[in-house]
Amino acid sequence: MKKSIRWLALAALLTVSLLASASQLVRTFDGDDSRTTAEFRVDGPWLLDWRLNGDYDALIALDIALIDAATGRHVGRVLHTKYKGNGVKLFHDGGRYQLRVSSTLARWSIKIEQITAEEAELYTPRKEQQTP
């Protein structure tokens, strides 16, 4: 009896620790046009997870800029690509933001995910790959 109580307690502890370290979806955006997204609020650290697809390999393009929602000020360029693909970008500073998405002949999707400091430490950026 004591053994099964210990196993139950251990299982509960593991479940709680796994839930505490999981990323949390804050917002998703998708489209096939250019637009400024709705405002979203995140604490640091957080991830921007993007996907790009399209019917015309040589003609697609995607630019994403981060905008401070309170001031409308351009914070910085997040992404510029002319190739189908996907990626993740880590941000350390939280705040109220919007994304200015410029798209040419492309279908795109973006997920904003809140992550823990421990998860951010595990993040390693991949080198930019150029596909001919």
N, C-alpha and C. Protein backbone atom coordinates (compact mmCIF):
# COMPACT_ATOMS: atom_id res chain seq x y z
N MET A 1 0.82 -1.19 0.00
CA MET A 1 0.00 0.00 0.00
C MET A 1 0.87 1.27 0.00
N LYS A 2 1.88 1.31 0.90
CA LYS A 2 2.77 2.47 0.96
C LYS A 2 3.52 2.64 -0.36
N LYS A 3 3.88 1.51 -0.98
CA LYS A 3 4.62 1.55 -2.24
C LYS A 3 3.79 2.20 -3.35
N SER A 4 2.50 1.83 -3.43
CA SER A 4 1.66 2.41 -4.48
C SER A 4 1.37 3.88 -4.22
N ILE A 5 1.32 4.30 -2.96
CA ILE A 5 1.13 5.72 -2.64
C ILE A 5 2.37 6.51 -3.08
N ARG A 6 3.55 5.94 -2.83
CA ARG A 6 4.78 6.60 -3.28
C ARG A 6 4.82 6.74 -4.80
N TRP A 7 4.41 5.67 -5.50
CA TRP A 7 4.40 5.73 -6.97
C TRP A 7 3.40 6.76 -7.47
N LEU A 8 2.24 6.85 -6.84
CA LEU A 8 1.25 7.86 -7.21
C LEU A 8 1.79 9.26 -6.97
N ALA A 9 2.43 9.46 -5.84
CA ALA A 9 3.00 10.78 -5.53
C ALA A 9 4.09 11.14 -6.54
N LEU A 10 4.94 10.17 -6.89
CA LEU A 10 5.99 10.41 -7.87
C LEU A 10 5.40 10.73 -9.24
N ALA A 11 4.38 10.01 -9.65
CA ALA A 11 3.72 10.26 -10.93
C ALA A 11 3.09 11.66 -10.95
N ALA A 12 2.46 12.06 -9.86
CA ALA A 12 1.86 13.39 -9.78
C ALA A 12 2.93 14.48 -9.86
N LEU A 13 4.05 14.27 -9.17
CA LEU A 13 5.14 15.23 -9.19
C LEU A 13 5.72 15.37 -10.60
N LEU A 14 5.92 14.26 -11.29
CA LEU A 14 6.43 14.31 -12.66
C LEU A 14 5.46 15.03 -13.59
N THR A 15 4.18 14.77 -13.45
CA THR A 15 3.17 15.43 -14.28
C THR A 15 3.19 16.93 -14.07
N VAL A 16 3.24 17.37 -12.82
CA VAL A 16 3.27 18.80 -12.51
C VAL A 16 4.52 19.45 -13.08
N SER A 17 5.68 18.79 -12.96
CA SER A 17 6.92 19.39 -13.47
C SER A 17 6.90 19.45 -14.99
N LEU A 18 6.32 18.46 -15.66
CA LEU A 18 6.23 18.51 -17.11
C LEU A 18 5.30 19.62 -17.57
N LEU A 19 4.18 19.80 -16.90
CA LEU A 19 3.24 20.85 -17.27
C LEU A 19 3.84 22.23 -17.02
N ALA A 20 4.63 22.38 -15.98
CA ALA A 20 5.22 23.67 -15.65
C ALA A 20 6.27 24.08 -16.68
N SER A 21 6.90 23.13 -17.37
CA SER A 21 7.96 23.48 -18.30
C SER A 21 7.49 23.50 -19.75
N ALA A 22 6.23 23.25 -19.99
CA ALA A 22 5.73 23.21 -21.37
C ALA A 22 5.50 24.63 -21.89
N SER A 23 5.73 24.80 -23.19
CA SER A 23 5.46 26.10 -23.79
C SER A 23 3.95 26.32 -23.86
N GLN A 24 3.57 27.59 -23.91
CA GLN A 24 2.16 27.95 -23.94
C GLN A 24 1.90 28.77 -25.20
N LEU A 25 0.92 28.34 -25.98
CA LEU A 25 0.55 29.07 -27.20
C LEU A 25 -0.14 30.36 -26.81
N VAL A 26 0.39 31.49 -27.29
CA VAL A 26 -0.17 32.81 -27.00
C VAL A 26 -1.12 33.24 -28.11
N ARG A 27 -0.68 33.08 -29.36
CA ARG A 27 -1.47 33.56 -30.49
C ARG A 27 -1.01 32.88 -31.77
N THR A 28 -1.90 32.73 -32.73
CA THR A 28 -1.54 32.26 -34.07
C THR A 28 -2.06 33.25 -35.10
N PHE A 29 -1.31 33.36 -36.18
CA PHE A 29 -1.70 34.21 -37.30
C PHE A 29 -1.40 33.43 -38.58
N ASP A 30 -2.24 33.59 -39.59
CA ASP A 30 -1.94 33.00 -40.89
C ASP A 30 -2.60 33.81 -41.98
N GLY A 31 -2.11 33.63 -43.20
CA GLY A 31 -2.67 34.37 -44.31
C GLY A 31 -1.90 34.15 -45.59
N ASP A 32 -2.33 34.88 -46.61
CA ASP A 32 -1.66 34.85 -47.91
C ASP A 32 -1.55 36.27 -48.47
N ASP A 33 -1.57 37.23 -47.54
CA ASP A 33 -1.52 38.64 -47.93
C ASP A 33 -0.58 39.40 -46.99
N SER A 34 -0.47 40.70 -47.19
CA SER A 34 0.33 41.55 -46.32
C SER A 34 -0.60 42.23 -45.33
N ARG A 35 -0.17 42.30 -44.06
CA ARG A 35 -1.01 42.93 -43.04
C ARG A 35 -0.21 43.16 -41.76
N THR A 36 -0.80 43.95 -40.89
CA THR A 36 -0.30 44.09 -39.53
C THR A 36 -1.24 43.29 -38.64
N THR A 37 -0.67 42.41 -37.83
CA THR A 37 -1.49 41.51 -37.02
C THR A 37 -2.12 42.25 -35.85
N ALA A 38 -3.03 41.57 -35.20
CA ALA A 38 -3.59 42.07 -33.95
C ALA A 38 -2.50 42.09 -32.89
N GLU A 39 -2.74 42.88 -31.88
CA GLU A 39 -1.78 42.99 -30.77
C GLU A 39 -1.74 41.69 -29.96
N PHE A 40 -0.57 41.37 -29.45
CA PHE A 40 -0.43 40.26 -28.51
C PHE A 40 0.52 40.67 -27.40
N ARG A 41 0.35 40.07 -26.24
CA ARG A 41 1.19 40.37 -25.07
C ARG A 41 1.93 39.11 -24.66
N VAL A 42 3.24 39.24 -24.46
CA VAL A 42 4.06 38.11 -24.02
C VAL A 42 5.05 38.59 -22.97
N ASP A 43 5.47 37.65 -22.13
CA ASP A 43 6.57 37.89 -21.21
C ASP A 43 7.79 37.23 -21.82
N GLY A 44 8.98 37.71 -21.48
CA GLY A 44 10.18 37.07 -21.98
C GLY A 44 10.49 35.84 -21.16
N PRO A 45 11.04 34.83 -21.74
CA PRO A 45 11.35 34.63 -23.15
C PRO A 45 10.15 34.07 -23.92
N TRP A 46 10.19 34.27 -25.25
CA TRP A 46 9.12 33.75 -26.10
C TRP A 46 9.67 33.41 -27.47
N LEU A 47 8.90 32.60 -28.21
CA LEU A 47 9.31 32.15 -29.55
C LEU A 47 8.32 32.60 -30.60
N LEU A 48 8.84 32.93 -31.76
CA LEU A 48 8.03 33.15 -32.96
C LEU A 48 8.36 31.97 -33.89
N ASP A 49 7.37 31.16 -34.17
CA ASP A 49 7.51 29.95 -35.00
C ASP A 49 6.81 30.24 -36.33
N TRP A 50 7.56 30.27 -37.44
CA TRP A 50 6.98 30.65 -38.73
C TRP A 50 7.05 29.51 -39.74
N ARG A 51 6.12 29.53 -40.69
CA ARG A 51 6.07 28.59 -41.81
C ARG A 51 5.74 29.38 -43.06
N LEU A 52 6.36 29.01 -44.18
CA LEU A 52 6.12 29.68 -45.46
C LEU A 52 5.98 28.65 -46.56
N ASN A 53 4.94 28.79 -47.36
CA ASN A 53 4.70 27.91 -48.49
C ASN A 53 4.12 28.75 -49.62
N GLY A 54 4.14 28.21 -50.82
CA GLY A 54 3.58 28.91 -51.96
C GLY A 54 3.66 28.07 -53.21
N ASP A 55 2.98 28.52 -54.24
CA ASP A 55 2.93 27.77 -55.50
C ASP A 55 4.05 28.13 -56.46
N TYR A 56 4.70 29.26 -56.26
CA TYR A 56 5.72 29.73 -57.19
C TYR A 56 7.06 29.85 -56.48
N ASP A 57 7.89 28.84 -56.62
CA ASP A 57 9.16 28.80 -55.90
C ASP A 57 10.02 30.03 -56.10
N ALA A 58 10.10 30.52 -57.32
CA ALA A 58 11.02 31.62 -57.62
C ALA A 58 10.43 32.99 -57.31
N LEU A 59 9.16 33.07 -56.94
CA LEU A 59 8.53 34.38 -56.78
C LEU A 59 8.05 34.71 -55.37
N ILE A 60 8.10 33.76 -54.46
CA ILE A 60 7.57 34.02 -53.12
C ILE A 60 8.54 34.83 -52.27
N ALA A 61 7.98 35.54 -51.31
CA ALA A 61 8.80 36.31 -50.37
C ALA A 61 7.99 36.56 -49.10
N LEU A 62 8.71 36.65 -47.99
CA LEU A 62 8.08 36.95 -46.72
C LEU A 62 9.01 37.82 -45.89
N ASP A 63 8.46 38.92 -45.39
CA ASP A 63 9.17 39.80 -44.46
C ASP A 63 8.30 39.95 -43.22
N ILE A 64 8.91 39.82 -42.06
CA ILE A 64 8.18 40.01 -40.80
C ILE A 64 8.96 41.01 -39.96
N ALA A 65 8.27 42.06 -39.51
CA ALA A 65 8.86 43.06 -38.62
C ALA A 65 8.11 43.07 -37.30
N LEU A 66 8.83 43.28 -36.21
CA LEU A 66 8.23 43.36 -34.89
C LEU A 66 7.93 44.83 -34.59
N ILE A 67 6.69 45.10 -34.15
CA ILE A 67 6.23 46.46 -33.88
C ILE A 67 5.82 46.58 -32.41
N ASP A 68 6.25 47.65 -31.75
CA ASP A 68 5.82 47.93 -30.38
C ASP A 68 4.36 48.41 -30.47
N ALA A 69 3.44 47.65 -29.90
CA ALA A 69 2.01 47.96 -30.03
C ALA A 69 1.63 49.27 -29.34
N ALA A 70 2.34 49.64 -28.30
CA ALA A 70 2.00 50.87 -27.57
C ALA A 70 2.35 52.12 -28.36
N THR A 71 3.48 52.09 -29.07
CA THR A 71 3.96 53.28 -29.77
C THR A 71 3.84 53.19 -31.29
N GLY A 72 3.69 51.98 -31.82
CA GLY A 72 3.68 51.80 -33.27
C GLY A 72 5.09 51.83 -33.86
N ARG A 73 6.10 51.88 -33.00
CA ARG A 73 7.49 51.97 -33.43
C ARG A 73 8.03 50.61 -33.89
N HIS A 74 8.82 50.65 -34.94
CA HIS A 74 9.47 49.46 -35.49
C HIS A 74 10.56 49.01 -34.52
N VAL A 75 10.45 47.80 -33.98
CA VAL A 75 11.44 47.27 -33.05
C VAL A 75 12.59 46.62 -33.82
N GLY A 76 12.25 45.88 -34.88
CA GLY A 76 13.29 45.25 -35.68
C GLY A 76 12.74 44.24 -36.66
N ARG A 77 13.59 43.86 -37.59
CA ARG A 77 13.22 42.84 -38.57
C ARG A 77 13.39 41.47 -37.95
N VAL A 78 12.35 40.66 -38.09
CA VAL A 78 12.38 39.30 -37.56
C VAL A 78 12.85 38.34 -38.63
N LEU A 79 12.38 38.55 -39.87
CA LEU A 79 12.64 37.57 -40.92
C LEU A 79 12.55 38.23 -42.28
N HIS A 80 13.40 37.79 -43.17
CA HIS A 80 13.32 38.13 -44.60
C HIS A 80 13.75 36.87 -45.35
N THR A 81 12.84 36.31 -46.15
CA THR A 81 13.19 35.12 -46.93
C THR A 81 12.45 35.10 -48.25
N LYS A 82 13.05 34.45 -49.20
CA LYS A 82 12.44 34.22 -50.51
C LYS A 82 12.34 32.74 -50.80
N TYR A 83 12.38 31.93 -49.74
CA TYR A 83 12.36 30.48 -49.88
C TYR A 83 11.30 29.85 -48.98
N LYS A 84 10.68 28.80 -49.48
CA LYS A 84 9.75 28.03 -48.66
C LYS A 84 10.52 27.46 -47.48
N GLY A 85 9.84 27.32 -46.38
CA GLY A 85 10.51 26.72 -45.22
C GLY A 85 9.84 27.09 -43.94
N ASN A 86 10.59 26.93 -42.85
CA ASN A 86 10.07 27.24 -41.52
C ASN A 86 11.24 27.54 -40.61
N GLY A 87 10.93 28.07 -39.46
CA GLY A 87 11.97 28.38 -38.49
C GLY A 87 11.38 28.90 -37.20
N VAL A 88 12.27 29.12 -36.26
CA VAL A 88 11.89 29.61 -34.93
C VAL A 88 12.87 30.70 -34.55
N LYS A 89 12.35 31.77 -33.95
CA LYS A 89 13.21 32.85 -33.47
C LYS A 89 12.90 33.10 -32.00
N LEU A 90 13.94 33.20 -31.19
CA LEU A 90 13.81 33.41 -29.75
C LEU A 90 13.91 34.90 -29.43
N PHE A 91 13.03 35.37 -28.54
CA PHE A 91 13.05 36.74 -28.05
C PHE A 91 13.13 36.69 -26.53
N HIS A 92 13.94 37.57 -25.97
CA HIS A 92 14.12 37.59 -24.52
C HIS A 92 13.23 38.62 -23.83
N ASP A 93 12.88 39.70 -24.54
CA ASP A 93 12.10 40.77 -23.93
C ASP A 93 10.62 40.61 -24.20
N GLY A 94 9.84 40.71 -23.15
CA GLY A 94 8.39 40.66 -23.28
C GLY A 94 7.83 42.03 -23.59
N GLY A 95 6.53 42.07 -23.84
CA GLY A 95 5.88 43.35 -24.09
C GLY A 95 4.59 43.16 -24.87
N ARG A 96 4.06 44.28 -25.35
CA ARG A 96 2.88 44.28 -26.22
C ARG A 96 3.36 44.54 -27.63
N TYR A 97 3.12 43.59 -28.51
CA TYR A 97 3.65 43.68 -29.86
C TYR A 97 2.58 43.41 -30.91
N GLN A 98 2.95 43.77 -32.14
CA GLN A 98 2.23 43.39 -33.35
C GLN A 98 3.31 42.96 -34.35
N LEU A 99 2.90 42.24 -35.38
CA LEU A 99 3.80 41.86 -36.46
C LEU A 99 3.35 42.52 -37.74
N ARG A 100 4.28 43.12 -38.46
CA ARG A 100 3.97 43.64 -39.79
C ARG A 100 4.48 42.60 -40.78
N VAL A 101 3.54 41.95 -41.45
CA VAL A 101 3.86 40.85 -42.37
C VAL A 101 3.69 41.34 -43.80
N SER A 102 4.77 41.23 -44.58
CA SER A 102 4.72 41.56 -46.01
C SER A 102 4.93 40.26 -46.77
N SER A 103 3.94 39.91 -47.59
CA SER A 103 3.95 38.61 -48.25
C SER A 103 3.75 38.79 -49.75
N THR A 104 4.51 38.03 -50.54
CA THR A 104 4.36 38.03 -51.99
C THR A 104 4.12 36.61 -52.46
N LEU A 105 2.96 36.35 -53.04
CA LEU A 105 2.60 35.05 -53.60
C LEU A 105 2.91 33.89 -52.66
N ALA A 106 2.59 34.07 -51.39
CA ALA A 106 2.96 33.07 -50.38
C ALA A 106 1.81 32.85 -49.39
N ARG A 107 1.81 31.66 -48.81
CA ARG A 107 0.93 31.32 -47.69
C ARG A 107 1.82 31.20 -46.46
N TRP A 108 1.46 31.88 -45.39
CA TRP A 108 2.30 31.89 -44.20
C TRP A 108 1.47 31.60 -42.95
N SER A 109 2.16 31.11 -41.94
CA SER A 109 1.55 30.94 -40.62
C SER A 109 2.60 31.24 -39.56
N ILE A 110 2.13 31.82 -38.47
CA ILE A 110 3.01 32.25 -37.39
C ILE A 110 2.36 31.85 -36.07
N LYS A 111 3.17 31.26 -35.18
CA LYS A 111 2.72 30.95 -33.83
C LYS A 111 3.60 31.72 -32.85
N ILE A 112 2.99 32.33 -31.86
CA ILE A 112 3.70 32.99 -30.77
C ILE A 112 3.56 32.09 -29.55
N GLU A 113 4.70 31.66 -28.99
CA GLU A 113 4.68 30.73 -27.86
C GLU A 113 5.46 31.29 -26.69
N GLN A 114 4.84 31.27 -25.52
CA GLN A 114 5.51 31.64 -24.28
C GLN A 114 6.31 30.43 -23.82
N ILE A 115 7.57 30.63 -23.45
CA ILE A 115 8.39 29.53 -22.96
C ILE A 115 9.04 29.91 -21.64
N THR A 116 9.58 28.92 -20.97
CA THR A 116 10.26 29.16 -19.70
C THR A 116 11.73 29.52 -19.95
N ALA A 117 12.37 30.06 -18.94
CA ALA A 117 13.80 30.40 -19.03
C ALA A 117 14.63 29.14 -19.30
N GLU A 118 14.21 28.02 -18.71
CA GLU A 118 14.92 26.76 -18.92
C GLU A 118 14.83 26.32 -20.38
N GLU A 119 13.65 26.47 -20.97
CA GLU A 119 13.49 26.12 -22.38
C GLU A 119 14.30 27.05 -23.27
N ALA A 120 14.37 28.32 -22.91
CA ALA A 120 15.15 29.29 -23.69
C ALA A 120 16.64 28.94 -23.68
N GLU A 121 17.12 28.42 -22.56
CA GLU A 121 18.53 28.02 -22.47
C GLU A 121 18.86 26.87 -23.43
N LEU A 122 17.87 26.04 -23.72
CA LEU A 122 18.08 24.90 -24.62
C LEU A 122 18.03 25.29 -26.10
N TYR A 123 17.57 26.50 -26.39
CA TYR A 123 17.42 26.97 -27.77
C TYR A 123 18.79 27.24 -28.39
N THR A 124 19.02 26.67 -29.56
CA THR A 124 20.24 26.97 -30.32
C THR A 124 19.83 27.38 -31.73
N PRO A 125 20.15 28.60 -32.12
CA PRO A 125 19.74 29.04 -33.46
C PRO A 125 20.46 28.25 -34.54
N ARG A 126 19.73 27.92 -35.60
CA ARG A 126 20.38 27.24 -36.71
C ARG A 126 20.92 28.29 -37.67
N LYS A 127 21.92 27.92 -38.40
CA LYS A 127 22.52 28.85 -39.35
C LYS A 127 21.56 29.05 -40.51
N GLU A 128 21.56 30.28 -41.04
CA GLU A 128 20.72 30.57 -42.20
C GLU A 128 21.14 29.69 -43.37
N GLN A 129 20.15 29.07 -43.97
CA GLN A 129 20.42 28.20 -45.13
C GLN A 129 19.89 28.86 -46.38
N GLN A 130 20.67 28.93 -47.38
CA GLN A 130 20.25 29.47 -48.67
C GLN A 130 20.03 28.32 -49.64
N THR A 131 18.85 28.27 -50.21
CA THR A 131 18.52 27.24 -51.19
C THR A 131 18.50 27.88 -52.57
N PRO A 132 19.24 27.33 -53.51
CA PRO A 132 19.25 27.94 -54.85
C PRO A 132 17.92 27.84 -55.55
